[in-house]
N, C-alpha and C. Protein backbone atom coordinates (compact mmCIF):
# COMPACT_ATOMS: atom_id res chain seq x y z
N MET A 1 -1.24 12.63 11.27
CA MET A 1 -0.47 12.30 10.08
C MET A 1 0.31 13.54 9.65
N THR A 2 1.58 13.35 9.38
CA THR A 2 2.40 14.48 8.97
C THR A 2 2.09 14.85 7.52
N PRO A 3 2.43 16.08 7.12
CA PRO A 3 2.24 16.46 5.71
C PRO A 3 2.97 15.51 4.75
N ALA A 4 4.16 15.05 5.13
CA ALA A 4 4.91 14.13 4.27
C ALA A 4 4.20 12.79 4.14
N GLU A 5 3.63 12.29 5.23
CA GLU A 5 2.89 11.03 5.18
C GLU A 5 1.64 11.16 4.32
N LEU A 6 0.94 12.29 4.47
CA LEU A 6 -0.25 12.52 3.67
C LEU A 6 0.11 12.58 2.18
N ARG A 7 1.16 13.32 1.87
CA ARG A 7 1.58 13.43 0.47
C ARG A 7 1.93 12.05 -0.09
N SER A 8 2.63 11.26 0.69
CA SER A 8 3.02 9.92 0.25
C SER A 8 1.79 9.06 -0.03
N ARG A 9 0.79 9.14 0.82
CA ARG A 9 -0.42 8.33 0.63
C ARG A 9 -1.22 8.82 -0.58
N VAL A 10 -1.29 10.13 -0.77
CA VAL A 10 -1.99 10.68 -1.94
C VAL A 10 -1.29 10.23 -3.21
N LEU A 11 0.04 10.31 -3.23
CA LEU A 11 0.78 9.90 -4.43
C LEU A 11 0.67 8.39 -4.66
N ALA A 12 0.63 7.61 -3.60
CA ALA A 12 0.45 6.16 -3.75
C ALA A 12 -0.91 5.85 -4.36
N THR A 13 -1.93 6.58 -3.93
CA THR A 13 -3.27 6.40 -4.50
C THR A 13 -3.26 6.79 -5.97
N LEU A 14 -2.60 7.89 -6.29
CA LEU A 14 -2.51 8.33 -7.68
C LEU A 14 -1.78 7.28 -8.53
N GLN A 15 -0.71 6.72 -7.99
CA GLN A 15 0.04 5.70 -8.73
C GLN A 15 -0.77 4.41 -8.91
N SER A 16 -1.70 4.15 -8.03
CA SER A 16 -2.55 2.96 -8.22
C SER A 16 -3.47 3.14 -9.42
N ILE A 17 -3.77 4.39 -9.77
CA ILE A 17 -4.61 4.70 -10.93
C ILE A 17 -3.74 4.87 -12.18
N ALA A 18 -2.59 5.48 -12.01
CA ALA A 18 -1.69 5.78 -13.13
C ALA A 18 -0.28 5.34 -12.76
N PRO A 19 0.00 4.03 -12.88
CA PRO A 19 1.28 3.51 -12.41
C PRO A 19 2.50 4.07 -13.15
N GLU A 20 2.29 4.68 -14.27
CA GLU A 20 3.42 5.19 -15.06
C GLU A 20 3.95 6.53 -14.56
N ILE A 21 3.26 7.17 -13.62
CA ILE A 21 3.72 8.49 -13.18
C ILE A 21 4.99 8.40 -12.36
N GLU A 22 5.74 9.48 -12.39
CA GLU A 22 6.93 9.64 -11.56
C GLU A 22 6.60 10.72 -10.54
N PRO A 23 6.31 10.36 -9.29
CA PRO A 23 5.90 11.35 -8.31
C PRO A 23 6.87 12.52 -8.16
N ALA A 24 8.15 12.28 -8.29
CA ALA A 24 9.14 13.35 -8.14
C ALA A 24 9.01 14.41 -9.24
N GLU A 25 8.40 14.05 -10.35
CA GLU A 25 8.26 14.98 -11.46
C GLU A 25 6.98 15.81 -11.39
N LEU A 26 6.07 15.48 -10.48
CA LEU A 26 4.82 16.22 -10.37
C LEU A 26 5.06 17.59 -9.77
N ARG A 27 4.39 18.58 -10.34
CA ARG A 27 4.47 19.95 -9.84
C ARG A 27 3.22 20.24 -9.03
N ASP A 28 3.40 20.80 -7.86
CA ASP A 28 2.28 21.01 -6.94
C ASP A 28 1.20 21.95 -7.46
N GLU A 29 1.59 22.94 -8.26
CA GLU A 29 0.63 23.98 -8.67
C GLU A 29 0.07 23.80 -10.08
N ILE A 30 0.46 22.75 -10.76
CA ILE A 30 -0.07 22.48 -12.11
C ILE A 30 -1.19 21.46 -11.96
N PRO A 31 -2.33 21.67 -12.66
CA PRO A 31 -3.44 20.72 -12.54
C PRO A 31 -2.97 19.27 -12.72
N LEU A 32 -3.35 18.44 -11.76
CA LEU A 32 -2.93 17.03 -11.79
C LEU A 32 -3.42 16.32 -13.04
N ARG A 33 -4.66 16.55 -13.42
CA ARG A 33 -5.19 15.83 -14.59
C ARG A 33 -4.41 16.19 -15.85
N GLN A 34 -3.89 17.40 -15.91
CA GLN A 34 -3.07 17.82 -17.05
C GLN A 34 -1.71 17.13 -17.01
N GLN A 35 -1.14 17.00 -15.83
CA GLN A 35 0.19 16.41 -15.70
C GLN A 35 0.17 14.90 -15.92
N VAL A 36 -0.88 14.26 -15.46
CA VAL A 36 -0.93 12.80 -15.45
C VAL A 36 -1.82 12.27 -16.57
N ASP A 37 -2.53 13.16 -17.25
CA ASP A 37 -3.42 12.78 -18.36
C ASP A 37 -4.49 11.80 -17.89
N LEU A 38 -5.21 12.18 -16.82
CA LEU A 38 -6.29 11.36 -16.30
C LEU A 38 -7.60 11.76 -16.94
N ASP A 39 -8.38 10.77 -17.35
CA ASP A 39 -9.72 11.08 -17.83
C ASP A 39 -10.66 11.20 -16.63
N SER A 40 -11.92 11.51 -16.87
CA SER A 40 -12.84 11.76 -15.76
C SER A 40 -13.06 10.51 -14.90
N MET A 41 -13.06 9.34 -15.49
CA MET A 41 -13.23 8.11 -14.71
C MET A 41 -11.99 7.84 -13.86
N ASP A 42 -10.81 8.07 -14.39
CA ASP A 42 -9.59 7.92 -13.60
C ASP A 42 -9.59 8.88 -12.42
N TRP A 43 -10.02 10.12 -12.67
CA TRP A 43 -10.07 11.12 -11.60
C TRP A 43 -11.05 10.68 -10.52
N LEU A 44 -12.20 10.16 -10.93
CA LEU A 44 -13.18 9.67 -9.96
C LEU A 44 -12.60 8.51 -9.15
N HIS A 45 -11.89 7.61 -9.80
CA HIS A 45 -11.24 6.49 -9.09
C HIS A 45 -10.18 7.01 -8.11
N PHE A 46 -9.47 8.04 -8.49
CA PHE A 46 -8.47 8.64 -7.61
C PHE A 46 -9.14 9.21 -6.36
N LEU A 47 -10.19 10.00 -6.54
CA LEU A 47 -10.88 10.58 -5.39
C LEU A 47 -11.53 9.51 -4.52
N THR A 48 -12.09 8.50 -5.14
CA THR A 48 -12.67 7.39 -4.39
C THR A 48 -11.59 6.65 -3.61
N GLY A 49 -10.45 6.46 -4.23
CA GLY A 49 -9.33 5.80 -3.57
C GLY A 49 -8.85 6.58 -2.35
N LEU A 50 -8.83 7.92 -2.46
CA LEU A 50 -8.45 8.74 -1.32
C LEU A 50 -9.46 8.57 -0.19
N HIS A 51 -10.73 8.55 -0.55
CA HIS A 51 -11.78 8.36 0.45
C HIS A 51 -11.59 7.02 1.17
N GLU A 52 -11.34 5.98 0.41
CA GLU A 52 -11.20 4.65 1.01
C GLU A 52 -9.94 4.54 1.87
N ASP A 53 -8.84 5.10 1.38
CA ASP A 53 -7.57 5.00 2.11
C ASP A 53 -7.57 5.85 3.38
N LEU A 54 -8.06 7.06 3.27
CA LEU A 54 -7.95 8.02 4.37
C LEU A 54 -9.23 8.16 5.19
N GLN A 55 -10.30 7.51 4.73
CA GLN A 55 -11.60 7.61 5.42
C GLN A 55 -12.06 9.07 5.54
N VAL A 56 -11.90 9.80 4.44
CA VAL A 56 -12.33 11.19 4.36
C VAL A 56 -13.42 11.29 3.31
N ASP A 57 -14.56 11.84 3.71
CA ASP A 57 -15.63 12.05 2.73
C ASP A 57 -15.26 13.20 1.82
N ILE A 58 -15.42 12.99 0.52
CA ILE A 58 -15.17 14.03 -0.47
C ILE A 58 -16.47 14.16 -1.27
N PRO A 59 -17.33 15.10 -0.87
CA PRO A 59 -18.59 15.26 -1.59
C PRO A 59 -18.36 15.66 -3.04
N GLU A 60 -19.23 15.20 -3.91
CA GLU A 60 -19.11 15.51 -5.33
C GLU A 60 -19.08 17.02 -5.56
N ALA A 61 -19.76 17.77 -4.72
CA ALA A 61 -19.77 19.23 -4.85
C ALA A 61 -18.38 19.84 -4.69
N ASP A 62 -17.47 19.11 -4.03
CA ASP A 62 -16.10 19.62 -3.81
C ASP A 62 -15.12 19.21 -4.90
N TYR A 63 -15.51 18.33 -5.80
CA TYR A 63 -14.58 17.83 -6.82
C TYR A 63 -13.92 18.96 -7.60
N GLY A 64 -14.67 20.00 -7.92
CA GLY A 64 -14.14 21.11 -8.71
C GLY A 64 -13.06 21.91 -8.00
N ARG A 65 -13.00 21.80 -6.67
CA ARG A 65 -11.98 22.50 -5.89
C ARG A 65 -10.65 21.77 -5.91
N LEU A 66 -10.66 20.52 -6.30
CA LEU A 66 -9.47 19.67 -6.21
C LEU A 66 -8.82 19.58 -7.60
N VAL A 67 -7.96 20.51 -7.86
CA VAL A 67 -7.35 20.61 -9.19
C VAL A 67 -5.87 20.26 -9.14
N THR A 68 -5.14 20.92 -8.27
CA THR A 68 -3.69 20.70 -8.16
C THR A 68 -3.38 19.78 -6.99
N LEU A 69 -2.17 19.32 -6.93
CA LEU A 69 -1.74 18.51 -5.80
C LEU A 69 -1.85 19.32 -4.50
N THR A 70 -1.52 20.59 -4.56
CA THR A 70 -1.67 21.46 -3.39
C THR A 70 -3.12 21.52 -2.95
N ASP A 71 -4.05 21.65 -3.90
CA ASP A 71 -5.48 21.68 -3.56
C ASP A 71 -5.89 20.41 -2.83
N VAL A 72 -5.49 19.28 -3.36
CA VAL A 72 -5.86 17.99 -2.77
C VAL A 72 -5.28 17.86 -1.37
N LEU A 73 -4.01 18.18 -1.21
CA LEU A 73 -3.36 18.05 0.09
C LEU A 73 -3.98 18.99 1.12
N THR A 74 -4.24 20.23 0.74
CA THR A 74 -4.83 21.20 1.65
C THR A 74 -6.23 20.76 2.07
N TYR A 75 -7.01 20.30 1.11
CA TYR A 75 -8.37 19.83 1.38
C TYR A 75 -8.35 18.65 2.35
N LEU A 76 -7.50 17.68 2.08
CA LEU A 76 -7.44 16.50 2.95
C LEU A 76 -6.91 16.83 4.33
N ARG A 77 -5.88 17.67 4.41
CA ARG A 77 -5.33 18.06 5.70
C ARG A 77 -6.41 18.69 6.58
N ALA A 78 -7.22 19.56 5.99
CA ALA A 78 -8.28 20.23 6.75
C ALA A 78 -9.29 19.22 7.29
N ARG A 79 -9.54 18.16 6.56
CA ARG A 79 -10.52 17.16 6.98
C ARG A 79 -9.95 16.10 7.91
N LEU A 80 -8.64 15.99 7.94
CA LEU A 80 -8.00 15.03 8.82
C LEU A 80 -7.61 15.62 10.17
N GLU A 81 -7.62 16.95 10.27
CA GLU A 81 -7.25 17.59 11.53
C GLU A 81 -8.27 17.22 12.60
N PRO A 82 -7.79 16.95 13.80
CA PRO A 82 -8.74 16.66 14.89
C PRO A 82 -9.63 17.87 15.16
N LYS A 83 -10.89 17.60 15.33
CA LYS A 83 -11.84 18.68 15.62
C LYS A 83 -11.73 19.06 17.08
N SER A 84 -11.70 20.35 17.35
CA SER A 84 -11.63 20.79 18.75
C SER A 84 -13.03 20.75 19.34
N GLY A 85 -13.09 20.27 20.56
CA GLY A 85 -14.38 20.19 21.24
C GLY A 85 -14.82 21.55 21.73
N GLY A 86 -16.18 21.73 21.88
CA GLY A 86 -16.63 23.05 22.28
C GLY A 86 -17.67 23.06 23.31
């Protein structure tokens, strides 16, 4: 999956939780919850939606690392990369 495809899917998941957002207006380095005004339940639904859409496990212990759009994209990209065999 290309970075653009991943970003599109993340934003689509976010819009399913907060349909009023304008993805083009989101800033990558500003906390998403601050920009979109998500409460803790909305944030949990967003992370769960990412898990369901992308089939990526997001342990609760990692939730605190996912603050900005950049954080979310970097985290997901790392988990979607094919693992090299050894």
